[in-house]
């Protein structure tokens, strides 16, 4: 619901919400460098190790729609606080884990907490700043920068913690952060309005089951070939059951009418493709730095900091002004084409490449593309939602990004290990030439995803100029 009188604490509230966004994104990336240590201490197999990441992503992506709906019904602030309470407890569980099962349970519960936090936080941002388009653009700049900072800080802090402390601290760091956020919530956030209605638990279970089976199939295909294909019909069947239930239920989890808004549907399509391009870019660029150029984990994290700084500077200092002057669509299309161009440059990285000559220019170009595209994509995906459906819309846009990222990364990993490419295979017989060919194939595939996103934005996103008013519901 839009406010006629701006909240005097809205900028303090934004700082807290950006901190929440930072922590949620941090949790997706901080464990990467620590995975070998977890494998050594808890005895994970190579394929089982991937579930430390997937348990979080599946719970996060699969429950985002439910989290958004609960925020609409019970109040965004209440769900935001509940999510952080779950996240802090789950992080303590994972940090104290002495078995694989305990660690995976903690990771899945972290995803549950994040699924409550992310849509509620975005809903609060929209409602705090929806009264003024210029302020909303600036707020989204800080919001996007917090996400970018969380991703990079995860890579950097994961290396620092693993090198100088122990891997449980990659989880335990969330406990004091979560408690601090919980203490500040009643100070800076007003109580959110609630609405009446029912929770579609059947829809939540069926769509989450469909996403779990789909991601499971992709992960299994990656490790054992197409023997996992029989899982796919189950995933498709669950999706069909979910869609049918949404048409027949009086109060569905995902009202299909929400897609009648052209830009909302287009924004979600573009967001899925954006995730499918951006996450593989980060994943394989980190591998190239470490496995081809010989960087340490800590040095690799430092090498990626210019990307983060570029995203933060552009999003905070320029995104709102650029959107106000040129409109959402132009910024969105230009950003996606820049990212596609950067990925094509990365697809030609040489074996004896130089960081300054070959990596830095293309990575800065990719960061500029992400900085231009992310906020307009989010705004497009939220556009046209009714005030009582802002939680649903924010949950949906977060879901499409997470699922697009998971599917895109799995596809690029499969591409990197097929044919002449052996980008992330195991074994001492693997050559640097084979790894590089795999990385190049993955970058090329991610570039295609970015190009498709740019074309989808060009064709399906309606032209709007954002000056004083940004449609928020």
Protein backbone atom coordinates (compact mmCIF):
# COMPACT_ATOMS: atom_id res chain seq x y z
CA UNK A 1 0.00 0.00 0.00
CA UNK A 2 1.48 3.33 -1.01
CA UNK A 3 2.06 5.92 1.70
CA UNK A 4 0.83 9.50 1.33
CA UNK A 5 3.22 10.66 4.08
CA UNK A 6 6.80 9.35 3.75
CA UNK A 7 8.12 7.39 6.69
CA UNK A 8 10.70 9.61 8.45
CA UNK A 9 12.76 6.52 9.27
CA UNK A 10 12.69 5.15 5.73
CA UNK A 11 16.42 5.63 5.06
CA UNK A 12 17.39 3.94 8.32
CA UNK A 13 14.95 1.18 7.42
CA UNK A 14 16.54 0.90 3.99
CA UNK A 15 19.96 0.45 5.59
CA UNK A 16 18.60 -2.45 7.63
CA UNK A 17 16.87 -3.98 4.60
CA UNK A 18 20.03 -3.68 2.51
CA UNK A 19 21.94 -5.41 5.31
CA UNK A 20 19.39 -8.22 5.11
CA UNK A 21 19.83 -8.45 1.34
CA UNK A 22 23.61 -8.53 1.84
CA UNK A 23 23.36 -11.42 4.33
CA UNK A 24 20.98 -13.48 2.17
CA UNK A 25 23.21 -13.19 -0.91
CA UNK A 26 26.33 -13.71 1.21
CA UNK A 27 25.00 -17.11 2.26
CA UNK A 28 24.85 -18.29 -1.35
CA UNK A 29 28.54 -17.58 -2.03
CA UNK A 30 30.51 -17.71 1.22
CA UNK A 31 30.72 -21.50 1.38
CA UNK A 32 32.38 -21.97 -2.03
CA UNK A 33 36.01 -21.73 -0.92
CA UNK A 34 35.29 -23.76 2.24
CA UNK A 35 33.79 -26.78 0.44
CA UNK A 36 37.06 -28.83 0.33
CA UNK A 37 37.50 -28.40 4.10
CA UNK A 38 33.89 -29.50 4.72
CA UNK A 39 34.44 -32.50 2.47
CA UNK A 40 37.57 -33.49 4.36
CA UNK A 41 36.04 -33.12 7.83
CA UNK A 42 32.60 -34.65 7.19
CA UNK A 43 33.44 -37.18 4.47
CA UNK A 44 31.23 -35.86 1.66
CA UNK A 45 31.50 -37.56 -1.72
CA UNK A 46 32.14 -35.36 -4.76
CA UNK A 47 28.48 -35.49 -5.79
CA UNK A 48 27.19 -35.17 -2.22
CA UNK A 49 29.25 -32.02 -1.76
CA UNK A 50 27.10 -30.16 -4.29
CA UNK A 51 24.10 -30.53 -1.98
CA UNK A 52 25.67 -28.12 0.51
CA UNK A 53 24.87 -25.47 -2.08
CA UNK A 54 21.74 -27.05 -3.53
CA UNK A 55 19.98 -27.62 -0.19
CA UNK A 56 20.01 -23.86 0.36
CA UNK A 57 19.03 -22.88 -3.19
CA UNK A 58 16.20 -25.42 -3.45
CA UNK A 59 14.62 -24.38 -0.14
CA UNK A 60 15.15 -20.71 -0.97
CA UNK A 61 13.80 -20.81 -4.52
CA UNK A 62 11.08 -23.36 -3.81
CA UNK A 63 9.53 -21.46 -0.89
CA UNK A 64 9.85 -17.87 -2.11
CA UNK A 65 6.28 -17.76 -3.44
CA UNK A 66 4.98 -19.01 -0.10
CA UNK A 67 7.14 -16.47 1.71
CA UNK A 68 5.74 -13.66 -0.40
CA UNK A 69 2.15 -14.81 0.19
CA UNK A 70 2.68 -15.09 3.95
CA UNK A 71 4.10 -11.57 3.93
CA UNK A 72 0.95 -10.27 2.25
CA UNK A 73 -1.34 -12.09 4.70
CA UNK A 74 0.53 -11.79 8.01
CA UNK A 75 2.55 -8.64 7.46
CA UNK A 76 5.92 -8.14 5.79
CA UNK A 77 7.69 -7.01 8.99
CA UNK A 78 6.52 -10.09 10.89
CA UNK A 79 7.76 -12.44 8.15
CA UNK A 80 11.01 -10.49 7.86
CA UNK A 81 11.68 -10.97 11.58
CA UNK A 82 10.61 -14.63 11.50
CA UNK A 83 12.96 -15.29 8.60
CA UNK A 84 15.93 -13.86 10.47
CA UNK A 85 15.11 -15.87 13.58
CA UNK A 86 15.08 -19.05 11.46
CA UNK A 87 18.27 -18.02 9.64
CA UNK A 88 20.18 -17.40 12.88
CA UNK A 89 19.12 -20.74 14.38
CA UNK A 90 19.85 -22.60 11.14
CA UNK A 91 23.30 -21.01 10.89
CA UNK A 92 24.09 -22.13 14.44
CA UNK A 93 22.96 -25.67 13.54
CA UNK A 94 25.14 -25.74 10.40
CA UNK A 95 28.12 -24.23 12.20
CA UNK A 96 27.98 -26.86 14.97
CA UNK A 97 27.37 -29.73 12.51
CA UNK A 98 29.28 -32.95 13.20
CA UNK A 99 27.62 -34.98 10.44
CA UNK A 100 26.58 -34.55 6.82
CA UNK A 101 22.90 -34.79 7.70
CA UNK A 102 23.17 -32.07 10.34
CA UNK A 103 24.97 -29.73 7.97
CA UNK A 104 22.49 -30.26 5.12
CA UNK A 105 19.56 -29.75 7.50
CA UNK A 106 21.09 -26.46 8.62
CA UNK A 107 21.61 -25.35 5.02
CA UNK A 108 18.02 -26.20 4.06
CA UNK A 109 16.70 -24.27 7.07
CA UNK A 110 18.88 -21.32 6.06
CA UNK A 111 17.06 -21.41 2.73
CA UNK A 112 13.70 -21.43 4.52
CA UNK A 113 14.69 -18.31 6.47
CA UNK A 114 15.94 -16.58 3.33
CA UNK A 115 12.66 -17.40 1.55
CA UNK A 116 10.81 -15.43 4.22
CA UNK A 117 13.31 -12.57 4.32
CA UNK A 118 13.81 -11.76 0.62
CA UNK A 119 10.23 -11.08 -0.54
CA UNK A 120 9.29 -9.33 2.70
CA UNK A 121 12.30 -7.02 2.49
CA UNK A 122 11.59 -6.11 -1.14
CA UNK A 123 7.92 -5.48 -0.32
CA UNK A 124 8.92 -3.10 2.49
CA UNK A 125 11.29 -1.24 0.15
CA UNK A 126 8.50 -0.76 -2.39
CA UNK A 127 6.07 0.49 0.26
CA UNK A 128 8.58 2.84 1.91
CA UNK A 129 9.62 4.57 -1.30
CA UNK A 130 6.65 4.06 -3.63
CA UNK A 131 5.52 7.65 -3.08
CA UNK A 132 8.35 9.07 -5.20
CA UNK A 133 9.94 7.64 -8.34
CA UNK A 134 13.28 9.37 -7.81
CA UNK A 135 13.60 8.08 -4.25
CA UNK A 136 12.53 4.61 -5.34
CA UNK A 137 15.23 4.53 -8.00
CA UNK A 138 17.85 5.62 -5.45
CA UNK A 139 16.60 3.04 -2.94
CA UNK A 140 16.83 0.32 -5.57
CA UNK A 141 20.38 1.45 -6.27
CA UNK A 142 21.38 0.76 -2.67
CA UNK A 143 19.35 -2.48 -2.74
CA UNK A 144 21.11 -3.77 -5.85
CA UNK A 145 24.51 -2.70 -4.56
CA UNK A 146 23.89 -4.65 -1.34
CA UNK A 147 23.20 -7.78 -3.39
CA UNK A 148 26.36 -7.29 -5.45
CA UNK A 149 28.41 -6.64 -2.34
CA UNK A 150 27.01 -9.76 -0.67
CA UNK A 151 28.02 -11.93 -3.60
CA UNK A 152 31.57 -10.62 -3.73
CA UNK A 153 32.01 -10.45 0.04
CA UNK A 154 31.00 -14.10 0.22
CA UNK A 155 33.82 -15.11 -2.09
CA UNK A 156 36.32 -12.89 -0.27
CA UNK A 157 35.23 -13.69 3.31
CA UNK A 158 35.01 -17.39 2.50
CA UNK A 159 38.69 -17.31 1.55
CA UNK A 160 39.69 -15.28 4.60
CA UNK A 161 37.71 -17.43 7.05
CA UNK A 162 38.88 -20.71 5.53
CA UNK A 163 42.52 -19.61 5.49
CA UNK A 164 42.74 -18.02 8.93
CA UNK A 165 39.87 -19.61 10.91
CA UNK A 166 37.78 -22.77 10.33
CA UNK A 167 34.91 -23.53 7.95
CA UNK A 168 32.13 -23.55 10.63
CA UNK A 169 32.59 -19.79 10.91
CA UNK A 170 31.24 -19.37 7.38
CA UNK A 171 27.91 -20.23 9.03
CA UNK A 172 28.41 -18.95 12.58
CA UNK A 173 29.07 -15.43 11.28
CA UNK A 174 25.33 -15.19 10.61
CA UNK A 175 24.38 -15.66 14.27
CA UNK A 176 25.54 -12.27 15.63
CA UNK A 177 24.46 -10.56 12.40
CA UNK A 178 20.99 -12.08 12.68
CA UNK A 179 20.63 -11.11 16.34
CA UNK A 180 21.65 -7.53 15.52
CA UNK A 181 19.05 -7.30 12.76
CA UNK A 182 16.35 -8.71 15.06
CA UNK A 183 17.20 -6.09 17.69
CA UNK A 184 16.93 -3.23 15.16
CA UNK A 185 13.67 -4.33 13.48
CA UNK A 186 11.27 -2.79 16.07
CA UNK A 187 13.38 0.38 16.14
CA UNK A 188 13.33 1.30 12.42
CA UNK A 189 10.53 -0.71 10.79
CA UNK A 190 6.87 0.09 11.23
CA UNK A 191 4.37 -2.72 11.58
CA UNK A 192 3.11 -3.84 8.18
CA UNK A 193 -0.53 -4.09 7.27
CA UNK A 194 -2.05 -7.56 7.13
CA UNK A 195 -4.70 -8.81 4.73
CA UNK A 196 -7.32 -11.51 4.94
CA UNK A 197 -7.15 -14.73 3.01
CA UNK A 198 -6.04 -18.33 3.08
CA UNK A 199 -2.66 -19.94 2.50
CA UNK A 200 -2.52 -22.36 -0.42
CA UNK A 201 -0.43 -25.05 1.26
CA UNK A 202 -1.17 -27.58 -1.49
CA UNK A 203 0.14 -25.19 -4.11
CA UNK A 204 3.23 -24.45 -2.03
CA UNK A 205 3.99 -28.16 -1.57
CA UNK A 206 3.40 -29.07 -5.22
CA UNK A 207 5.47 -26.23 -6.71
CA UNK A 208 8.29 -26.82 -4.20
CA UNK A 209 8.25 -30.54 -5.02
CA UNK A 210 8.40 -29.71 -8.72
CA UNK A 211 11.39 -27.41 -8.24
CA UNK A 212 13.18 -29.91 -5.97
CA UNK A 213 12.76 -32.72 -8.51
CA UNK A 214 13.83 -30.48 -11.40
CA UNK A 215 17.01 -29.32 -9.68
CA UNK A 216 17.68 -32.89 -8.48
CA UNK A 217 17.43 -34.12 -12.06
CA UNK A 218 19.86 -31.47 -13.28
CA UNK A 219 22.35 -32.24 -10.50
CA UNK A 220 22.11 -35.98 -11.15
CA UNK A 221 22.54 -35.52 -14.90
CA UNK A 222 25.70 -33.56 -14.16
CA UNK A 223 27.20 -36.40 -12.09
CA UNK A 224 25.80 -39.59 -13.65
CA UNK A 225 24.56 -38.80 -17.15
CA UNK A 226 21.02 -39.15 -18.39
CA UNK A 227 20.09 -41.92 -15.98
CA UNK A 228 18.30 -39.23 -13.97
CA UNK A 229 15.96 -38.35 -16.84
CA UNK A 230 13.04 -40.39 -15.30
CA UNK A 231 12.94 -37.76 -12.56
CA UNK A 232 11.97 -35.14 -15.14
CA UNK A 233 8.44 -36.49 -15.82
CA UNK A 234 7.76 -36.31 -12.10
CA UNK A 235 8.85 -32.67 -12.09
CA UNK A 236 6.69 -31.88 -15.12
CA UNK A 237 3.74 -33.72 -13.57
CA UNK A 238 4.04 -31.74 -10.34
CA UNK A 239 4.20 -28.48 -12.27
CA UNK A 240 1.04 -29.45 -14.17
CA UNK A 241 -0.73 -30.34 -10.92
CA UNK A 242 0.37 -27.00 -9.45
CA UNK A 243 -0.89 -25.01 -12.44
CA UNK A 244 -4.24 -26.82 -12.47
CA UNK A 245 -4.67 -26.20 -8.75
CA UNK A 246 -3.96 -22.49 -9.24
CA UNK A 247 -6.74 -22.20 -11.82
CA UNK A 248 -9.35 -23.98 -9.71
CA UNK A 249 -8.59 -22.67 -6.20
CA UNK A 250 -10.44 -19.61 -4.94
CA UNK A 251 -7.30 -18.18 -3.26
CA UNK A 252 -4.31 -19.68 -5.11
CA UNK A 253 -0.69 -19.23 -4.16
CA UNK A 254 0.01 -17.77 -7.61
CA UNK A 255 -3.05 -16.10 -9.14
CA UNK A 256 -2.61 -16.52 -12.87
CA UNK A 257 -4.22 -13.14 -13.43
CA UNK A 258 -1.02 -11.50 -12.18
CA UNK A 259 0.60 -12.38 -15.51
CA UNK A 260 -1.94 -10.34 -17.46
CA UNK A 261 0.28 -7.37 -16.76
CA UNK A 262 2.62 -7.44 -19.73
CA UNK A 263 5.68 -5.96 -18.06
CA UNK A 264 5.38 -8.13 -14.95
CA UNK A 265 5.47 -11.35 -16.97
CA UNK A 266 8.24 -10.02 -19.22
CA UNK A 267 10.28 -8.89 -16.22
CA UNK A 268 10.21 -12.37 -14.71
CA UNK A 269 11.30 -13.94 -18.01
CA UNK A 270 14.20 -11.51 -18.31
CA UNK A 271 15.16 -12.02 -14.65
CA UNK A 272 15.41 -15.80 -15.13
CA UNK A 273 17.69 -15.33 -18.16
CA UNK A 274 19.72 -12.70 -16.30
CA UNK A 275 20.39 -15.18 -13.50
CA UNK A 276 21.27 -17.87 -16.06
CA UNK A 277 23.94 -15.56 -17.48
CA UNK A 278 25.32 -13.83 -14.36
CA UNK A 279 25.84 -16.73 -11.95
CA UNK A 280 27.78 -18.88 -14.47
CA UNK A 281 29.89 -15.81 -15.27
CA UNK A 282 30.94 -15.52 -11.60
CA UNK A 283 31.36 -19.28 -11.18
CA UNK A 284 33.59 -19.89 -14.19
CA UNK A 285 35.55 -16.66 -13.93
CA UNK A 286 36.56 -17.68 -10.41
CA UNK A 287 37.63 -21.11 -11.73
CA UNK A 288 39.62 -19.52 -14.57
CA UNK A 289 41.48 -17.29 -12.13
CA UNK A 290 42.36 -20.19 -9.82
CA UNK A 291 42.81 -23.15 -12.17
CA UNK A 292 44.27 -21.42 -15.24
CA UNK A 293 46.01 -18.31 -13.94
CA UNK A 294 46.99 -19.97 -10.63
CA UNK A 295 45.42 -17.44 -8.26
CA UNK A 296 44.78 -18.47 -4.66
CA UNK A 297 41.22 -18.38 -3.36
CA UNK A 298 41.93 -15.16 -1.49
CA UNK A 299 43.65 -13.56 -4.50
CA UNK A 300 40.74 -14.58 -6.71
CA UNK A 301 38.31 -12.86 -4.36
CA UNK A 302 40.42 -9.70 -4.46
CA UNK A 303 40.58 -9.89 -8.26
CA UNK A 304 36.78 -9.84 -8.43
CA UNK A 305 36.43 -6.78 -6.19
CA UNK A 306 36.65 -4.27 -9.10
CA UNK A 307 33.45 -5.84 -10.46
CA UNK A 308 31.70 -5.33 -7.15
CA UNK A 309 32.90 -1.76 -6.84
CA UNK A 310 31.70 -0.98 -10.36
CA UNK A 311 28.25 -2.39 -9.61
CA UNK A 312 27.98 -0.52 -6.32
CA UNK A 313 29.12 2.82 -7.77
CA UNK A 314 26.82 2.62 -10.80
CA UNK A 315 23.79 1.37 -8.88
CA UNK A 316 24.09 3.85 -6.03
CA UNK A 317 25.33 6.88 -7.94
CA UNK A 318 23.83 6.64 -11.40
CA UNK A 319 21.06 4.04 -11.81
CA UNK A 320 18.25 6.20 -10.47
CA UNK A 321 19.31 9.17 -12.60
CA UNK A 322 19.71 7.04 -15.74
CA UNK A 323 16.31 5.40 -15.26
CA UNK A 324 14.73 8.80 -14.66
CA UNK A 325 16.26 10.25 -17.83
CA UNK A 326 16.16 7.36 -20.30
CA UNK A 327 13.50 5.04 -18.88
CA UNK A 328 13.55 1.45 -17.69
CA UNK A 329 13.63 -0.30 -21.06
CA UNK A 330 16.65 1.45 -22.57
CA UNK A 331 18.78 0.85 -19.48
CA UNK A 332 17.64 -2.77 -19.33
CA UNK A 333 18.36 -3.60 -22.97
CA UNK A 334 21.70 -1.77 -23.00
CA UNK A 335 22.85 -3.50 -19.80
CA UNK A 336 22.00 -6.96 -21.13
CA UNK A 337 23.75 -6.36 -24.44
CA UNK A 338 26.86 -5.14 -22.57
CA UNK A 339 26.82 -8.30 -20.46
CA UNK A 340 26.46 -10.46 -23.57
CA UNK A 341 29.43 -8.67 -25.15
CA UNK A 342 31.53 -9.15 -22.01
CA UNK A 343 30.75 -12.89 -21.97
CA UNK A 344 31.79 -13.19 -25.61
CA UNK A 345 35.10 -11.56 -24.64
CA UNK A 346 35.48 -14.03 -21.78
CA UNK A 347 34.75 -16.90 -24.19
CA UNK A 348 38.06 -16.00 -25.89
CA UNK A 349 40.26 -15.94 -22.79
CA UNK A 350 43.70 -17.37 -23.60
CA UNK A 351 45.61 -20.08 -21.75
CA UNK A 352 48.42 -17.73 -20.76
CA UNK A 353 46.18 -14.76 -20.18
CA UNK A 354 46.90 -11.65 -18.17
CA UNK A 355 44.49 -10.47 -15.48
CA UNK A 356 44.99 -6.79 -16.37
CA UNK A 357 44.80 -7.30 -20.12
CA UNK A 358 42.21 -10.05 -20.56
CA UNK A 359 40.15 -10.42 -17.37
CA UNK A 360 39.79 -6.94 -15.92
CA UNK A 361 38.31 -5.14 -18.97
CA UNK A 362 35.72 -7.83 -19.72
CA UNK A 363 34.79 -8.23 -16.04
CA UNK A 364 34.26 -4.46 -15.65
CA UNK A 365 32.09 -4.45 -18.79
CA UNK A 366 30.02 -7.34 -17.39
CA UNK A 367 29.64 -5.52 -14.07
CA UNK A 368 28.48 -2.38 -15.86
CA UNK A 369 25.92 -4.46 -17.75
CA UNK A 370 24.65 -6.03 -14.53
CA UNK A 371 24.47 -2.65 -12.82
CA UNK A 372 22.36 -1.23 -15.64
CA UNK A 373 20.08 -4.27 -16.00
CA UNK A 374 19.35 -5.58 -12.51
CA UNK A 375 17.32 -2.71 -11.07
CA UNK A 376 15.18 -2.14 -14.20
CA UNK A 377 14.50 -5.88 -14.36
CA UNK A 378 13.35 -5.91 -10.74
CA UNK A 379 11.18 -2.84 -11.25
CA UNK A 380 9.65 -4.35 -14.39
CA UNK A 381 8.91 -7.61 -12.58
CA UNK A 382 7.15 -5.71 -9.80
CA UNK A 383 5.26 -3.32 -12.07
CA UNK A 384 1.49 -3.49 -12.14
CA UNK A 385 1.08 -5.67 -9.06
CA UNK A 386 -1.84 -4.72 -6.84
CA UNK A 387 -0.91 -3.32 -3.42
CA UNK A 388 -2.08 -6.52 -1.72
CA UNK A 389 0.04 -8.59 -4.14
CA UNK A 390 3.39 -6.83 -3.76
CA UNK A 391 4.67 -9.66 -1.57
CA UNK A 392 3.63 -12.18 -4.19
CA UNK A 393 5.28 -10.16 -6.97
CA UNK A 394 8.53 -9.79 -5.00
CA UNK A 395 8.52 -13.49 -4.18
CA UNK A 396 7.97 -14.29 -7.84
CA UNK A 397 10.80 -12.08 -9.12
CA UNK A 398 13.18 -13.56 -6.53
CA UNK A 399 12.04 -17.08 -7.45
CA UNK A 400 12.67 -16.60 -11.15
CA UNK A 401 16.18 -15.30 -10.44
CA UNK A 402 17.07 -18.21 -8.12
CA UNK A 403 15.64 -20.90 -10.38
CA UNK A 404 17.10 -19.27 -13.50
CA UNK A 405 20.48 -19.17 -11.76
CA UNK A 406 20.32 -22.83 -10.71
CA UNK A 407 19.20 -24.10 -14.10
CA UNK A 408 21.58 -21.81 -15.98
CA UNK A 409 24.58 -22.88 -13.91
CA UNK A 410 23.71 -26.57 -14.31
CA UNK A 411 23.38 -26.13 -18.07
CA UNK A 412 26.70 -24.29 -18.36
CA UNK A 413 28.43 -26.92 -16.22
CA UNK A 414 27.06 -29.61 -18.54
CA UNK A 415 28.22 -27.57 -21.53
CA UNK A 416 31.69 -27.12 -20.06
CA UNK A 417 32.12 -30.88 -19.55
CA UNK A 418 30.76 -32.00 -22.92
CA UNK A 419 32.58 -32.46 -26.20
CA UNK A 420 36.07 -30.96 -26.19
CA UNK A 421 35.38 -29.00 -23.01
CA UNK A 422 36.27 -30.49 -19.63
CA UNK A 423 35.95 -27.39 -17.51
CA UNK A 424 35.30 -28.79 -14.05
CA UNK A 425 36.07 -32.46 -14.41
CA UNK A 426 38.10 -34.33 -11.83
CA UNK A 427 41.32 -36.18 -12.07
CA UNK A 428 45.01 -35.53 -12.67
CA UNK A 429 44.75 -36.40 -16.36
CA UNK A 430 42.77 -33.26 -17.04
CA UNK A 431 44.80 -30.74 -19.04
CA UNK A 432 44.78 -26.97 -18.82
CA UNK A 433 43.74 -26.90 -22.49
CA UNK A 434 40.72 -29.06 -21.70
CA UNK A 435 39.71 -26.93 -18.73
CA UNK A 436 40.06 -23.73 -20.75
CA UNK A 437 37.94 -25.15 -23.58
CA UNK A 438 35.25 -25.99 -21.06
CA UNK A 439 35.34 -22.53 -19.52
CA UNK A 440 35.15 -20.91 -22.95
CA UNK A 441 32.11 -23.04 -23.86
CA UNK A 442 30.40 -22.06 -20.60
CA UNK A 443 31.07 -18.36 -21.12
CA UNK A 444 29.70 -18.63 -24.64
CA UNK A 445 26.56 -20.36 -23.39
CA UNK A 446 26.07 -17.69 -20.72
CA UNK A 447 26.55 -15.05 -23.40
CA UNK A 448 23.73 -16.63 -25.40
CA UNK A 449 21.50 -16.45 -22.29
CA UNK A 450 22.32 -12.74 -21.87
CA UNK A 451 21.62 -12.12 -25.54
CA UNK A 452 18.27 -13.88 -25.29
CA UNK A 453 17.46 -11.76 -22.23
CA UNK A 454 18.26 -8.59 -24.19
CA UNK A 455 16.05 -9.68 -27.09
CA UNK A 456 13.22 -10.63 -24.71
CA UNK A 457 13.45 -7.20 -23.08
CA UNK A 458 13.51 -5.49 -26.46
CA UNK A 459 10.43 -7.36 -27.71
CA UNK A 460 8.26 -7.90 -24.62
CA UNK A 461 8.98 -5.05 -22.19
CA UNK A 462 6.80 -2.01 -22.82
CA UNK A 463 8.48 1.36 -23.11
CA UNK A 464 8.11 3.47 -19.98
CA UNK A 465 9.93 6.59 -18.87
CA UNK A 466 10.52 6.84 -15.16
CA UNK A 467 10.65 10.41 -13.97
CA UNK A 468 8.53 11.29 -11.01
CA UNK A 469 6.37 8.24 -10.73
CA UNK A 470 7.27 4.59 -10.89
CA UNK A 471 4.33 2.18 -11.00
CA UNK A 472 4.43 0.11 -7.88
CA UNK A 473 0.91 -1.06 -7.54
